Amino acid sequence: MKNKFQVNNAILLVLVAALAVFPFVSDSRTWTILLTQIFIFSILAMSYDLLLGYTGIVSFGHAMFFGMGAYATAIMLNRLEPTLSVFFLSIAVGMVIAGVISFLIGLLTLRLKSHFFAMLTLAVSGLFLVLAEKWRTLTHGNDGFTFRAPEFFKDRMMFYLLVLACLVLVYFFLRRFVHSPLGRVLIAVRENEQRTKSLGFQTLHYKVIASVVAGVVASLAGSLYAISLRFVNTSVLTMDITLDALLMTIIGGVGTLIGPIIGAGVIELAQHYLSGLAKEHPIFERWIIFFGIIYILAVIFFPKGILGTIQYAFWKQKNKIPKVDVAAPSRKELTK
């Protein structure tokens, strides 16, 4: 087990090193921007996987925490001097706001079960969307606003490296979190909440902690997303963001952390190439239909997600049970 853990870490370090070197050996600005988007949505998808994959919570309001981070960073950089210190302060402010809101919402909603909780989170997220649309003096409504980023990020390569560093830190933090005693309790809650309660655990407290951590990480993704666009509007609070996180998690592999990163890559690359084909070939003008077909095929051929299906295939091969050929009893034996 220890050797396997070391091998996995070595593979991850090699991949991270390759991604860090990539912008220095490639002149493709398009690929640098595309990979940056993949990293940002990987962080968002991992935060959602903490809820869905490790705690068994289905939330339709995860976009509100993403939007809080985006608006916190955009507003502070717009109203204050756009320096690196203000940028990092805005990230901290967004994370604090998301943590407090997720804590309060968690206390009020996590007592509900399954679809009742999911629908209530959708309603609460809708309230924040309406607030952002109506509070035009602060958010400029659906029109949104542009803002200046710190001079340090005018070079896209530096922002790429920052986002990659954030992705690595978030991954190792969440991996340590889910493998801690607290994370084991969350998995127990996912598998059988009533039995976990009978063992003396206050499951609500653990679910609230998971909700707060997921909200804070989603806020970080929102802040990075706002900087990548230098623009923000109410689209960062819409249901589309939550659905993207959900689909990235499901396609990549629920409860794996690496799976959401794979899912983010698949979805972002599919969106990029299909939208590009739509400009060249009329048949791809309705590219969203082909996008839906990709989702359907992924669910059919990878029911546990891409990584989850691969892991299950290896486990099945390793624990293969030999078949025992048992002859069916004869009619005479059955009538004895």
Protein backbone atom coordinates (compact mmCIF):
# COMPACT_ATOMS: atom_id res chain seq x y z
CA MET A 1 0.00 0.00 0.00
CA LYS A 2 2.83 2.38 0.89
CA ASN A 3 4.65 1.64 -2.37
CA LYS A 4 1.43 2.22 -4.34
CA PHE A 5 0.95 5.56 -2.55
CA GLN A 6 4.52 6.60 -3.42
CA VAL A 7 4.07 5.59 -7.06
CA ASN A 8 0.86 7.60 -7.31
CA ASN A 9 2.58 10.65 -5.83
CA ALA A 10 5.49 10.26 -8.24
CA ILE A 11 3.13 10.11 -11.23
CA LEU A 12 1.27 13.21 -10.02
CA LEU A 13 4.51 15.14 -9.55
CA VAL A 14 5.66 14.25 -13.07
CA LEU A 15 2.32 15.42 -14.52
CA VAL A 16 2.44 18.66 -12.54
CA ALA A 17 6.03 19.29 -13.66
CA ALA A 18 5.04 18.69 -17.29
CA LEU A 19 2.11 21.11 -17.01
CA ALA A 20 4.33 23.72 -15.34
CA VAL A 21 6.89 23.49 -18.15
CA PHE A 22 4.26 23.51 -20.92
CA PRO A 23 3.86 27.31 -21.39
CA PHE A 24 7.65 27.69 -21.64
CA VAL A 25 7.97 25.17 -24.49
CA SER A 26 4.74 26.02 -26.32
CA ASP A 27 3.89 29.27 -28.08
CA SER A 28 0.18 28.46 -28.20
CA ARG A 29 -1.69 31.17 -26.32
CA THR A 30 -4.96 29.32 -26.98
CA TRP A 31 -3.79 26.19 -25.18
CA THR A 32 -2.48 28.22 -22.24
CA ILE A 33 -5.87 29.90 -21.79
CA LEU A 34 -7.76 26.63 -22.30
CA LEU A 35 -5.66 24.76 -19.73
CA THR A 36 -6.13 27.65 -17.30
CA GLN A 37 -9.91 27.28 -17.65
CA ILE A 38 -9.62 23.53 -17.12
CA PHE A 39 -7.63 24.07 -13.92
CA ILE A 40 -10.19 26.55 -12.59
CA PHE A 41 -13.16 24.29 -13.24
CA SER A 42 -11.21 21.34 -11.84
CA ILE A 43 -11.05 23.19 -8.52
CA LEU A 44 -14.80 23.82 -8.68
CA ALA A 45 -15.53 20.19 -9.60
CA MET A 46 -13.36 18.86 -6.76
CA SER A 47 -15.26 21.04 -4.29
CA TYR A 48 -18.51 19.57 -5.60
CA ASP A 49 -17.09 16.05 -5.39
CA LEU A 50 -16.51 16.60 -1.68
CA LEU A 51 -20.28 16.99 -1.32
CA LEU A 52 -21.52 14.42 -3.82
CA GLY A 53 -18.77 11.83 -3.80
CA TYR A 54 -17.70 11.80 -0.16
CA THR A 55 -20.75 13.00 1.77
CA GLY A 56 -23.60 11.93 -0.50
CA ILE A 57 -25.06 15.44 -0.72
CA VAL A 58 -26.63 16.59 -4.00
CA SER A 59 -26.66 20.39 -4.16
CA PHE A 60 -28.19 22.50 -6.94
CA GLY A 61 -26.95 25.75 -5.42
CA HIS A 62 -23.18 25.34 -5.53
CA ALA A 63 -22.87 28.19 -8.04
CA MET A 64 -23.68 30.77 -5.35
CA PHE A 65 -20.30 30.16 -3.65
CA PHE A 66 -18.52 30.31 -7.00
CA GLY A 67 -20.27 33.63 -7.68
CA MET A 68 -19.40 35.02 -4.25
CA GLY A 69 -15.71 34.54 -4.94
CA ALA A 70 -16.01 36.03 -8.43
CA TYR A 71 -17.89 39.12 -7.24
CA ALA A 72 -15.67 39.65 -4.19
CA THR A 73 -12.55 39.73 -6.36
CA ALA A 74 -14.10 41.79 -9.17
CA ILE A 75 -15.62 44.42 -6.87
CA MET A 76 -12.49 44.89 -4.76
CA LEU A 77 -10.19 45.15 -7.79
CA ASN A 78 -12.65 47.56 -9.41
CA ARG A 79 -12.95 49.88 -6.41
CA LEU A 80 -9.44 49.62 -5.01
CA GLU A 81 -5.98 49.75 -6.54
CA PRO A 82 -5.54 46.52 -8.57
CA THR A 83 -2.41 45.24 -6.84
CA LEU A 84 -1.34 41.73 -5.90
CA SER A 85 -2.05 42.40 -2.22
CA VAL A 86 -5.62 43.53 -3.00
CA PHE A 87 -6.07 40.48 -5.23
CA PHE A 88 -5.08 38.03 -2.48
CA LEU A 89 -7.13 40.00 0.03
CA SER A 90 -10.17 39.74 -2.27
CA ILE A 91 -9.72 35.97 -2.46
CA ALA A 92 -9.62 35.81 1.34
CA VAL A 93 -12.72 38.01 1.63
CA GLY A 94 -14.62 35.85 -0.86
CA MET A 95 -13.64 32.68 0.98
CA VAL A 96 -14.73 34.12 4.34
CA ILE A 97 -18.10 35.23 2.93
CA ALA A 98 -18.62 31.85 1.26
CA GLY A 99 -17.64 30.06 4.48
CA VAL A 100 -20.07 32.05 6.62
CA ILE A 101 -22.95 31.74 4.14
CA SER A 102 -22.38 28.01 3.61
CA PHE A 103 -22.30 27.52 7.38
CA LEU A 104 -25.61 29.31 7.89
CA ILE A 105 -27.28 27.65 4.90
CA GLY A 106 -25.94 24.27 6.01
CA LEU A 107 -27.44 24.61 9.48
CA LEU A 108 -30.81 25.51 7.98
CA THR A 109 -30.98 23.05 5.08
CA LEU A 110 -28.87 19.98 5.83
CA ARG A 111 -31.52 18.61 8.18
CA LEU A 112 -33.55 17.86 5.06
CA LYS A 113 -33.03 14.70 3.04
CA SER A 114 -32.27 13.92 -0.63
CA HIS A 115 -34.33 15.91 -3.14
CA PHE A 116 -35.82 18.22 -0.47
CA PHE A 117 -32.35 19.53 0.32
CA ALA A 118 -31.42 19.77 -3.36
CA MET A 119 -34.49 21.86 -4.22
CA LEU A 120 -34.00 24.16 -1.24
CA THR A 121 -30.39 24.86 -2.24
CA LEU A 122 -31.66 25.70 -5.72
CA ALA A 123 -34.13 28.18 -4.21
CA VAL A 124 -31.48 29.82 -2.02
CA SER A 125 -29.11 30.09 -4.99
CA GLY A 126 -31.94 31.71 -6.94
CA LEU A 127 -32.31 34.33 -4.21
CA PHE A 128 -28.65 35.27 -4.53
CA LEU A 129 -29.02 35.48 -8.31
CA VAL A 130 -32.00 37.84 -7.98
CA LEU A 131 -30.06 39.91 -5.41
CA ALA A 132 -27.15 40.26 -7.82
CA GLU A 133 -29.48 41.29 -10.65
CA LYS A 134 -31.31 43.91 -8.57
CA TRP A 135 -28.36 45.38 -6.65
CA ARG A 136 -27.08 47.22 -9.71
CA THR A 137 -25.11 49.84 -7.79
CA LEU A 138 -22.78 47.09 -6.63
CA THR A 139 -22.98 44.36 -9.28
CA HIS A 140 -24.25 46.27 -12.38
CA GLY A 141 -26.85 43.54 -12.78
CA ASN A 142 -26.80 41.24 -15.78
CA ASP A 143 -24.77 43.79 -17.77
CA GLY A 144 -21.79 43.11 -15.53
CA PHE A 145 -18.60 45.15 -15.49
CA THR A 146 -14.97 44.90 -16.45
CA PHE A 147 -12.10 45.57 -14.07
CA ARG A 148 -8.34 45.79 -14.14
CA ALA A 149 -6.25 42.86 -13.05
CA PRO A 150 -2.89 43.28 -11.29
CA GLU A 151 -0.02 44.09 -13.64
CA PHE A 152 1.59 40.81 -12.60
CA PHE A 153 -1.16 38.90 -14.45
CA LYS A 154 -0.86 40.74 -17.74
CA ASP A 155 1.48 37.93 -18.66
CA ARG A 156 -0.91 34.98 -19.06
CA MET A 157 1.90 32.59 -18.24
CA MET A 158 2.17 33.88 -14.67
CA PHE A 159 -1.57 33.53 -14.13
CA TYR A 160 -1.42 30.02 -15.61
CA LEU A 161 1.25 29.02 -13.09
CA LEU A 162 -0.70 30.55 -10.20
CA VAL A 163 -3.87 28.64 -11.12
CA LEU A 164 -1.89 25.40 -11.51
CA ALA A 165 -0.35 25.95 -8.05
CA CYS A 166 -3.83 26.53 -6.59
CA LEU A 167 -5.09 23.33 -8.22
CA VAL A 168 -2.23 21.28 -6.75
CA LEU A 169 -2.66 22.79 -3.27
CA VAL A 170 -6.43 22.25 -3.30
CA TYR A 171 -6.02 18.65 -4.47
CA PHE A 172 -3.55 17.74 -1.72
CA PHE A 173 -5.60 19.60 0.90
CA LEU A 174 -8.82 17.80 -0.09
CA ARG A 175 -7.04 14.44 -0.33
CA ARG A 176 -5.71 14.91 3.19
CA PHE A 177 -9.17 16.02 4.31
CA VAL A 178 -11.06 13.00 2.93
CA HIS A 179 -8.47 10.55 4.28
CA SER A 180 -8.58 12.06 7.76
CA PRO A 181 -10.80 10.63 10.54
CA LEU A 182 -13.31 13.39 9.73
CA GLY A 183 -13.35 12.32 6.09
CA ARG A 184 -13.97 8.72 7.10
CA VAL A 185 -17.04 9.83 9.02
CA LEU A 186 -18.28 11.69 5.94
CA ILE A 187 -17.94 8.50 3.88
CA ALA A 188 -19.86 6.64 6.61
CA VAL A 189 -22.60 9.29 6.37
CA ARG A 190 -22.74 8.78 2.62
CA GLU A 191 -23.07 5.01 2.98
CA ASN A 192 -25.55 4.90 5.88
CA GLU A 193 -26.38 8.05 7.81
CA GLN A 194 -28.75 6.35 10.27
CA ARG A 195 -26.18 3.78 11.27
CA THR A 196 -23.55 6.50 11.67
CA LYS A 197 -25.92 8.34 13.99
CA SER A 198 -26.47 5.17 16.01
CA LEU A 199 -22.70 5.03 16.61
CA GLY A 200 -22.90 8.39 18.37
CA PHE A 201 -21.80 10.79 15.62
CA GLN A 202 -23.60 14.10 15.17
CA THR A 203 -23.91 13.73 11.41
CA LEU A 204 -25.31 17.23 10.90
CA HIS A 205 -22.10 18.75 12.26
CA TYR A 206 -19.97 16.73 9.88
CA LYS A 207 -22.15 17.59 6.88
CA VAL A 208 -21.97 21.29 7.76
CA ILE A 209 -18.16 21.08 7.90
CA ALA A 210 -18.11 19.44 4.45
CA SER A 211 -20.45 22.13 3.13
CA VAL A 212 -18.24 24.92 4.48
CA VAL A 213 -15.04 23.43 3.02
CA ALA A 214 -16.74 22.88 -0.36
CA GLY A 215 -18.10 26.44 -0.37
CA VAL A 216 -14.72 27.96 0.45
CA VAL A 217 -12.94 25.99 -2.29
CA ALA A 218 -15.68 26.91 -4.81
CA SER A 219 -15.18 30.57 -3.88
CA LEU A 220 -11.47 30.28 -4.72
CA ALA A 221 -12.41 28.91 -8.14
CA GLY A 222 -14.79 31.84 -8.67
CA SER A 223 -12.08 34.40 -7.83
CA LEU A 224 -9.67 32.83 -10.31
CA TYR A 225 -12.41 32.66 -12.95
CA ALA A 226 -13.14 36.38 -12.59
CA ILE A 227 -9.46 37.24 -13.04
CA SER A 228 -9.19 35.00 -16.10
CA LEU A 229 -11.99 36.95 -17.84
CA ARG A 230 -11.41 40.43 -16.32
CA PHE A 231 -15.20 40.60 -16.37
CA VAL A 232 -18.05 39.42 -14.17
CA ASN A 233 -21.83 39.37 -14.43
CA THR A 234 -24.69 37.34 -12.99
CA SER A 235 -23.84 34.32 -15.17
CA VAL A 236 -21.43 33.20 -12.41
CA LEU A 237 -24.47 32.56 -10.18
CA THR A 238 -26.62 30.66 -12.66
CA MET A 239 -27.63 27.01 -12.57
CA ASP A 240 -25.31 26.31 -15.52
CA ILE A 241 -22.26 26.58 -13.27
CA THR A 242 -23.67 24.03 -10.83
CA LEU A 243 -24.63 21.66 -13.65
CA ASP A 244 -21.13 21.92 -15.12
CA ALA A 245 -19.62 20.99 -11.75
CA LEU A 246 -22.09 18.11 -11.38
CA LEU A 247 -21.42 16.72 -14.87
CA MET A 248 -17.64 17.08 -14.52
CA THR A 249 -17.81 15.09 -11.29
CA ILE A 250 -20.06 12.36 -12.72
CA ILE A 251 -18.16 11.98 -16.00
CA GLY A 252 -14.75 11.95 -14.33
CA GLY A 253 -15.68 9.67 -11.44
CA VAL A 254 -17.58 10.41 -8.24
CA GLY A 255 -15.57 10.13 -5.03
CA THR A 256 -12.10 10.13 -6.63
CA LEU A 257 -10.86 13.80 -6.63
CA ILE A 258 -8.74 13.05 -9.73
CA GLY A 259 -11.95 12.14 -11.58
CA PRO A 260 -13.38 15.69 -11.48
CA ILE A 261 -10.12 16.98 -12.96
CA ILE A 262 -10.47 14.49 -15.83
CA GLY A 263 -14.14 15.43 -16.21
CA ALA A 264 -13.29 19.13 -16.35
CA GLY A 265 -10.74 18.44 -19.07
CA VAL A 266 -13.16 16.36 -21.13
CA ILE A 267 -15.98 18.89 -20.93
CA GLU A 268 -13.88 22.00 -21.54
CA LEU A 269 -12.09 20.39 -24.49
CA ALA A 270 -15.39 19.16 -25.95
CA GLN A 271 -16.93 22.62 -25.64
CA HIS A 272 -13.87 24.23 -27.23
CA TYR A 273 -13.65 21.92 -30.25
CA LEU A 274 -17.38 21.63 -30.89
CA SER A 275 -17.89 25.39 -30.75
CA GLY A 276 -14.90 25.76 -33.09
CA LEU A 277 -16.38 23.25 -35.53
CA ALA A 278 -19.66 25.18 -35.48
CA LYS A 279 -17.86 28.16 -37.03
CA GLU A 280 -16.44 26.05 -39.86
CA HIS A 281 -19.20 23.54 -40.64
CA PRO A 282 -22.93 24.37 -40.66
CA ILE A 283 -23.79 20.86 -39.45
CA PHE A 284 -22.23 21.69 -36.09
CA GLU A 285 -24.18 24.94 -35.58
CA ARG A 286 -26.33 23.15 -33.01
CA TRP A 287 -23.20 21.88 -31.29
CA ILE A 288 -24.96 21.65 -27.94
CA ILE A 289 -26.84 18.61 -29.33
CA PHE A 290 -23.56 16.82 -30.04
CA PHE A 291 -22.42 17.88 -26.59
CA GLY A 292 -25.45 16.16 -25.12
CA ILE A 293 -24.63 13.01 -27.10
CA ILE A 294 -21.15 13.00 -25.55
CA TYR A 295 -22.73 13.11 -22.08
CA ILE A 296 -25.05 10.22 -22.92
CA LEU A 297 -22.23 8.07 -24.33
CA ALA A 298 -20.06 8.82 -21.29
CA VAL A 299 -22.81 7.69 -18.92
CA ILE A 300 -23.52 4.53 -20.96
CA PHE A 301 -19.93 3.37 -21.40
CA PHE A 302 -18.53 4.77 -18.13
CA PRO A 303 -21.33 4.31 -15.57
CA LYS A 304 -18.94 4.96 -12.68
CA GLY A 305 -17.23 7.81 -14.48
CA ILE A 306 -14.04 7.53 -16.52
CA LEU A 307 -11.67 7.04 -13.60
CA GLY A 308 -14.21 5.13 -11.51
CA THR A 309 -14.82 2.62 -14.31
CA ILE A 310 -11.09 2.10 -14.85
CA GLN A 311 -10.52 1.59 -11.11
CA TYR A 312 -13.41 -0.87 -10.92
CA ALA A 313 -12.05 -2.84 -13.90
CA PHE A 314 -8.63 -3.16 -12.21
CA TRP A 315 -10.24 -4.14 -8.90
CA LYS A 316 -12.41 -6.74 -10.64
CA GLN A 317 -9.38 -8.18 -12.42
CA LYS A 318 -7.34 -8.28 -9.21
CA ASN A 319 -10.11 -9.91 -7.18
CA LYS A 320 -11.33 -12.21 -9.93
CA ILE A 321 -13.27 -15.16 -8.51
CA PRO A 322 -12.98 -18.37 -10.51
CA LYS A 323 -16.24 -19.62 -11.92
CA VAL A 324 -17.54 -22.89 -10.54
CA ASP A 325 -19.32 -25.01 -13.11
CA VAL A 326 -22.29 -26.45 -11.26
CA ALA A 327 -24.46 -28.81 -13.28
CA ALA A 328 -28.19 -28.16 -13.11
CA PRO A 329 -30.09 -30.78 -11.09
CA SER A 330 -32.06 -33.32 -13.09
CA ARG A 331 -35.84 -33.57 -12.99
CA LYS A 332 -35.55 -36.85 -11.04
CA GLU A 333 -33.37 -35.21 -8.37
CA LEU A 334 -35.81 -32.33 -8.00
CA THR A 335 -38.77 -34.65 -7.47
CA LYS A 336 -37.10 -36.73 -4.75
